[in-house]
């Protein structure tokens, strides 16, 4: 009976390790994806700022 309990305990520990390692992997992918999305939004923001500046310059020229 002790052997069965030890085998169950070891298998639970192994499954928990697999879960933790896989969640760390997916978190890294998500962080990388979020960083790329953030950079894309920052570039879009800069583009819009430049467009606003150009429109203000055109308006002041008139």
PDB file of N, CA and C in Angstrom:
ATOM      1  N   UNK A   1       0.825  -1.207   0.000  1.00  0.00           N
ATOM      2  CA  UNK A   1       0.000   0.000   0.000  1.00  0.00           C
ATOM      3  C   UNK A   1       0.860   1.258   0.000  1.00  0.00           C
ATOM      4  N   UNK A   2       1.980   1.201   0.722  1.00  0.00           N
ATOM      5  CA  UNK A   2       2.868   2.359   0.748  1.00  0.00           C
ATOM      6  C   UNK A   2       3.457   2.639  -0.633  1.00  0.00           C
ATOM      7  N   UNK A   3       3.731   1.574  -1.377  1.00  0.00           N
ATOM      8  CA  UNK A   3       4.307   1.743  -2.712  1.00  0.00           C
ATOM      9  C   UNK A   3       3.298   2.432  -3.629  1.00  0.00           C
ATOM     10  N   UNK A   4       2.046   2.040  -3.549  1.00  0.00           N
ATOM     11  CA  UNK A   4       1.001   2.647  -4.380  1.00  0.00           C
ATOM     12  C   UNK A   4       0.853   4.125  -4.032  1.00  0.00           C
ATOM     13  N   UNK A   5       0.883   4.448  -2.760  1.00  0.00           N
ATOM     14  CA  UNK A   5       0.759   5.844  -2.334  1.00  0.00           C
ATOM     15  C   UNK A   5       1.942   6.665  -2.833  1.00  0.00           C
ATOM     16  N   UNK A   6       3.140   6.101  -2.770  1.00  0.00           N
ATOM     17  CA  UNK A   6       4.323   6.821  -3.249  1.00  0.00           C
ATOM     18  C   UNK A   6       4.255   7.030  -4.762  1.00  0.00           C
ATOM     19  N   UNK A   7       3.804   6.017  -5.485  1.00  0.00           N
ATOM     20  CA  UNK A   7       3.677   6.147  -6.936  1.00  0.00           C
ATOM     21  C   UNK A   7       2.671   7.237  -7.279  1.00  0.00           C
ATOM     22  N   UNK A   8       1.541   7.271  -6.579  1.00  0.00           N
ATOM     23  CA  UNK A   8       0.545   8.320  -6.811  1.00  0.00           C
ATOM     24  C   UNK A   8       1.115   9.695  -6.497  1.00  0.00           C
ATOM     25  N   UNK A   9       1.847   9.801  -5.404  1.00  0.00           N
ATOM     26  CA  UNK A   9       2.435  11.080  -5.016  1.00  0.00           C
ATOM     27  C   UNK A   9       3.437  11.558  -6.064  1.00  0.00           C
ATOM     28  N   UNK A  10       4.289  10.667  -6.523  1.00  0.00           N
ATOM     29  CA  UNK A  10       5.280  11.027  -7.538  1.00  0.00           C
ATOM     30  C   UNK A  10       4.591  11.425  -8.841  1.00  0.00           C
ATOM     31  N   UNK A  11       3.558  10.696  -9.229  1.00  0.00           N
ATOM     32  CA  UNK A  11       2.866  11.036 -10.476  1.00  0.00           C
ATOM     33  C   UNK A  11       2.165  12.389 -10.364  1.00  0.00           C
ATOM     34  N   UNK A  12       1.605  12.709  -9.205  1.00  0.00           N
ATOM     35  CA  UNK A  12       0.982  14.026  -9.006  1.00  0.00           C
ATOM     36  C   UNK A  12       2.032  15.121  -9.089  1.00  0.00           C
ATOM     37  N   UNK A  13       3.189  14.904  -8.488  1.00  0.00           N
ATOM     38  CA  UNK A  13       4.266  15.901  -8.539  1.00  0.00           C
ATOM     39  C   UNK A  13       4.728  16.109  -9.979  1.00  0.00           C
ATOM     40  N   UNK A  14       4.870  15.034 -10.730  1.00  0.00           N
ATOM     41  CA  UNK A  14       5.294  15.141 -12.129  1.00  0.00           C
ATOM     42  C   UNK A  14       4.257  15.915 -12.943  1.00  0.00           C
ATOM     43  N   UNK A  15       2.977  15.627 -12.739  1.00  0.00           N
ATOM     44  CA  UNK A  15       1.928  16.350 -13.462  1.00  0.00           C
ATOM     45  C   UNK A  15       1.930  17.830 -13.109  1.00  0.00           C
ATOM     46  N   UNK A  16       2.144  18.158 -11.850  1.00  0.00           N
ATOM     47  CA  UNK A  16       2.217  19.563 -11.447  1.00  0.00           C
ATOM     48  C   UNK A  16       3.410  20.258 -12.098  1.00  0.00           C
ATOM     49  N   UNK A  17       4.541  19.573 -12.165  1.00  0.00           N
ATOM     50  CA  UNK A  17       5.714  20.150 -12.828  1.00  0.00           C
ATOM     51  C   UNK A  17       5.433  20.423 -14.306  1.00  0.00           C
ATOM     52  N   UNK A  18       4.798  19.477 -14.969  1.00  0.00           N
ATOM     53  CA  UNK A  18       4.460  19.668 -16.382  1.00  0.00           C
ATOM     54  C   UNK A  18       3.526  20.860 -16.539  1.00  0.00           C
ATOM     55  N   UNK A  19       2.546  20.975 -15.651  1.00  0.00           N
ATOM     56  CA  UNK A  19       1.603  22.102 -15.710  1.00  0.00           C
ATOM     57  C   UNK A  19       2.324  23.432 -15.524  1.00  0.00           C
ATOM     58  N   UNK A  20       3.222  23.507 -14.544  1.00  0.00           N
ATOM     59  CA  UNK A  20       3.941  24.757 -14.272  1.00  0.00           C
ATOM     60  C   UNK A  20       4.838  25.131 -15.445  1.00  0.00           C
ATOM     61  N   UNK A  21       5.564  24.169 -15.978  1.00  0.00           N
ATOM     62  CA  UNK A  21       6.467  24.446 -17.097  1.00  0.00           C
ATOM     63  C   UNK A  21       5.677  24.893 -18.325  1.00  0.00           C
ATOM     64  N   UNK A  22       4.569  24.228 -18.617  1.00  0.00           N
ATOM     65  CA  UNK A  22       3.783  24.617 -19.795  1.00  0.00           C
ATOM     66  C   UNK A  22       3.144  25.984 -19.601  1.00  0.00           C
ATOM     67  N   UNK A  23       2.699  26.302 -18.395  1.00  0.00           N
ATOM     68  CA  UNK A  23       2.103  27.623 -18.174  1.00  0.00           C
ATOM     69  C   UNK A  23       3.159  28.717 -18.288  1.00  0.00           C
ATOM     70  N   UNK A  24       4.386  28.438 -17.862  1.00  0.00           N
ATOM     71  CA  UNK A  24       5.459  29.423 -18.015  1.00  0.00           C
ATOM     72  C   UNK A  24       5.734  29.666 -19.497  1.00  0.00           C
ATOM     73  N   UNK A  25       5.734  28.601 -20.291  1.00  0.00           N
ATOM     74  CA  UNK A  25       5.978  28.729 -21.727  1.00  0.00           C
ATOM     75  C   UNK A  25       4.900  29.585 -22.384  1.00  0.00           C
ATOM     76  N   UNK A  26       3.639  29.312 -22.063  1.00  0.00           N
ATOM     77  CA  UNK A  26       2.553  30.076 -22.674  1.00  0.00           C
ATOM     78  C   UNK A  26       2.539  31.511 -22.190  1.00  0.00           C
ATOM     79  N   UNK A  27       2.938  31.751 -20.938  1.00  0.00           N
ATOM     80  CA  UNK A  27       3.018  33.122 -20.433  1.00  0.00           C
ATOM     81  C   UNK A  27       4.072  33.911 -21.201  1.00  0.00           C
ATOM     82  N   UNK A  28       5.209  33.280 -21.507  1.00  0.00           N
ATOM     83  CA  UNK A  28       6.257  33.971 -22.262  1.00  0.00           C
ATOM     84  C   UNK A  28       5.764  34.337 -23.655  1.00  0.00           C
ATOM     85  N   UNK A  29       5.025  33.424 -24.274  1.00  0.00           N
ATOM     86  CA  UNK A  29       4.482  33.721 -25.603  1.00  0.00           C
ATOM     87  C   UNK A  29       3.489  34.868 -25.530  1.00  0.00           C
ATOM     88  N   UNK A  30       2.668  34.869 -24.485  1.00  0.00           N
ATOM     89  CA  UNK A  30       1.673  35.927 -24.335  1.00  0.00           C
ATOM     90  C   UNK A  30       2.356  37.265 -24.081  1.00  0.00           C
ATOM     91  N   UNK A  31       3.400  37.270 -23.255  1.00  0.00           N
ATOM     92  CA  UNK A  31       4.126  38.513 -22.978  1.00  0.00           C
ATOM     93  C   UNK A  31       4.748  39.044 -24.269  1.00  0.00           C
ATOM     94  N   UNK A  32       5.336  38.153 -25.060  1.00  0.00           N
ATOM     95  CA  UNK A  32       5.940  38.570 -26.328  1.00  0.00           C
ATOM     96  C   UNK A  32       4.878  39.146 -27.263  1.00  0.00           C
ATOM     97  N   UNK A  33       3.726  38.494 -27.325  1.00  0.00           N
ATOM     98  CA  UNK A  33       2.634  38.975 -28.170  1.00  0.00           C
ATOM     99  C   UNK A  33       2.141  40.333 -27.683  1.00  0.00           C
ATOM    100  N   UNK A  34       2.021  40.496 -26.361  1.00  0.00           N
ATOM    101  CA  UNK A  34       1.574  41.776 -25.803  1.00  0.00           C
ATOM    102  C   UNK A  34       2.572  42.888 -26.099  1.00  0.00           C
ATOM    103  N   UNK A  35       3.866  42.579 -26.036  1.00  0.00           N
ATOM    104  CA  UNK A  35       4.884  43.590 -26.347  1.00  0.00           C
ATOM    105  C   UNK A  35       4.781  44.034 -27.799  1.00  0.00           C
ATOM    106  N   UNK A  36       4.594  43.076 -28.697  1.00  0.00           N
ATOM    107  CA  UNK A  36       4.461  43.415 -30.115  1.00  0.00           C
ATOM    108  C   UNK A  36       3.213  44.259 -30.358  1.00  0.00           C
ATOM    109  N   UNK A  37       2.121  43.901 -29.689  1.00  0.00           N
ATOM    110  CA  UNK A  37       0.888  44.676 -29.833  1.00  0.00           C
ATOM    111  C   UNK A  37       1.087  46.091 -29.306  1.00  0.00           C
ATOM    112  N   UNK A  38       1.808  46.214 -28.187  1.00  0.00           N
ATOM    113  CA  UNK A  38       2.077  47.523 -27.600  1.00  0.00           C
ATOM    114  C   UNK A  38       2.920  48.379 -28.549  1.00  0.00           C
ATOM    115  N   UNK A  39       3.949  47.791 -29.142  1.00  0.00           N
ATOM    116  CA  UNK A  39       4.783  48.523 -30.098  1.00  0.00           C
ATOM    117  C   UNK A  39       3.960  48.975 -31.306  1.00  0.00           C
ATOM    118  N   UNK A  40       3.091  48.110 -31.773  1.00  0.00           N
ATOM    119  CA  UNK A  40       2.241  48.459 -32.913  1.00  0.00           C
ATOM    120  C   UNK A  40       1.344  49.646 -32.560  1.00  0.00           C
ATOM    121  N   UNK A  41       0.758  49.625 -31.369  1.00  0.00           N
ATOM    122  CA  UNK A  41      -0.109  50.728 -30.951  1.00  0.00           C
ATOM    123  C   UNK A  41       0.676  52.023 -30.775  1.00  0.00           C
ATOM    124  N   UNK A  42       1.900  51.924 -30.272  1.00  0.00           N
ATOM    125  CA  UNK A  42       2.730  53.123 -30.122  1.00  0.00           C
ATOM    126  C   UNK A  42       3.056  53.737 -31.485  1.00  0.00           C
ATOM    127  N   UNK A  43       3.379  52.896 -32.452  1.00  0.00           N
ATOM    128  CA  UNK A  43       3.663  53.398 -33.802  1.00  0.00           C
ATOM    129  C   UNK A  43       2.428  54.045 -34.426  1.00  0.00           C
ATOM    130  N   UNK A  44       1.288  53.425 -34.212  1.00  0.00           N
ATOM    131  CA  UNK A  44       0.045  53.998 -34.730  1.00  0.00           C
ATOM    132  C   UNK A  44      -0.251  55.337 -34.060  1.00  0.00           C
ATOM    133  N   UNK A  45       0.030  55.423 -32.773  1.00  0.00           N
ATOM    134  CA  UNK A  45      -0.166  56.668 -32.032  1.00  0.00           C
ATOM    135  C   UNK A  45       0.734  57.773 -32.583  1.00  0.00           C
ATOM    136  N   UNK A  46       1.993  57.452 -32.841  1.00  0.00           N
ATOM    137  CA  UNK A  46       2.920  58.435 -33.412  1.00  0.00           C
ATOM    138  C   UNK A  46       2.450  58.894 -34.795  1.00  0.00           C
ATOM    139  N   UNK A  47       1.965  57.951 -35.574  1.00  0.00           N
ATOM    140  CA  UNK A  47       1.468  58.285 -36.914  1.00  0.00           C
ATOM    141  C   UNK A  47       0.298  59.260 -36.813  1.00  0.00           C
ATOM    142  N   UNK A  48      -0.617  58.997 -35.893  1.00  0.00           N
ATOM    143  CA  UNK A  48      -1.772  59.885 -35.725  1.00  0.00           C
ATOM    144  C   UNK A  48      -1.350  61.259 -35.222  1.00  0.00           C
ATOM    145  N   UNK A  49      -0.359  61.300 -34.341  1.00  0.00           N
ATOM    146  CA  UNK A  49       0.142  62.595 -33.861  1.00  0.00           C
ATOM    147  C   UNK A  49       0.717  63.414 -35.011  1.00  0.00           C
ATOM    148  N   UNK A  50       1.461  62.746 -35.892  1.00  0.00           N
ATOM    149  CA  UNK A  50       2.032  63.443 -37.048  1.00  0.00           C
ATOM    150  C   UNK A  50       0.939  63.936 -37.995  1.00  0.00           C
ATOM    151  N   UNK A  51      -0.091  63.127 -38.178  1.00  0.00           N
ATOM    152  CA  UNK A  51      -1.197  63.551 -39.037  1.00  0.00           C
ATOM    153  C   UNK A  51      -1.898  64.771 -38.451  1.00  0.00           C
ATOM    154  N   UNK A  52      -2.104  64.778 -37.141  1.00  0.00           N
ATOM    155  CA  UNK A  52      -2.738  65.930 -36.486  1.00  0.00           C
ATOM    156  C   UNK A  52      -1.866  67.168 -36.644  1.00  0.00           C
ATOM    157  N   UNK A  53      -0.574  66.977 -36.475  1.00  0.00           N
ATOM    158  CA  UNK A  53       0.353  68.103 -36.617  1.00  0.00           C
ATOM    159  C   UNK A  53       0.302  68.661 -38.042  1.00  0.00           C
ATOM    160  N   UNK A  54       0.290  67.772 -39.028  1.00  0.00           N
ATOM    161  CA  UNK A  54       0.206  68.207 -40.427  1.00  0.00           C
ATOM    162  C   UNK A  54      -1.096  68.959 -40.695  1.00  0.00           C
ATOM    163  N   UNK A  55      -2.191  68.447 -40.158  1.00  0.00           N
ATOM    164  CA  UNK A  55      -3.481  69.117 -40.361  1.00  0.00           C
ATOM    165  C   UNK A  55      -3.497  70.499 -39.711  1.00  0.00           C
ATOM    166  N   UNK A  56      -2.899  70.605 -38.545  1.00  0.00           N
ATOM    167  CA  UNK A  56      -2.833  71.911 -37.877  1.00  0.00           C
ATOM    168  C   UNK A  56      -1.974  72.880 -38.681  1.00  0.00           C
ATOM    169  N   UNK A  57      -0.882  72.383 -39.241  1.00  0.00           N
ATOM    170  CA  UNK A  57      -0.019  73.232 -40.068  1.00  0.00           C
ATOM    171  C   UNK A  57      -0.748  73.699 -41.323  1.00  0.00           C
ATOM    172  N   UNK A  58      -1.485  72.803 -41.958  1.00  0.00           N
ATOM    173  CA  UNK A  58      -2.248  73.180 -43.148  1.00  0.00           C
ATOM    174  C   UNK A  58      -3.318  74.200 -42.793  1.00  0.00           C
ATOM    175  N   UNK A  59      -3.943  74.004 -41.650  1.00  0.00           N
ATOM    176  CA  UNK A  59      -4.998  74.920 -41.210  1.00  0.00           C
ATOM    177  C   UNK A  59      -4.431  76.303 -40.899  1.00  0.00           C
ATOM    178  N   UNK A  60      -3.267  76.337 -40.296  1.00  0.00           N
ATOM    179  CA  UNK A  60      -2.652  77.629 -39.970  1.00  0.00           C
ATOM    180  C   UNK A  60      -2.142  78.333 -41.231  1.00  0.00           C
ATOM    181  N   UNK A  61      -1.780  77.572 -42.251  1.00  0.00           N
ATOM    182  CA  UNK A  61      -1.333  78.167 -43.517  1.00  0.00           C
ATOM    183  C   UNK A  61      -2.488  78.864 -44.236  1.00  0.00           C
ATOM    184  N   UNK A  62      -3.676  78.352 -44.062  1.00  0.00           N
ATOM    185  CA  UNK A  62      -4.849  78.943 -44.733  1.00  0.00           C
ATOM    186  C   UNK A  62      -5.220  80.158 -43.990  1.00  0.00           C
TER     187      UNK A  62
END
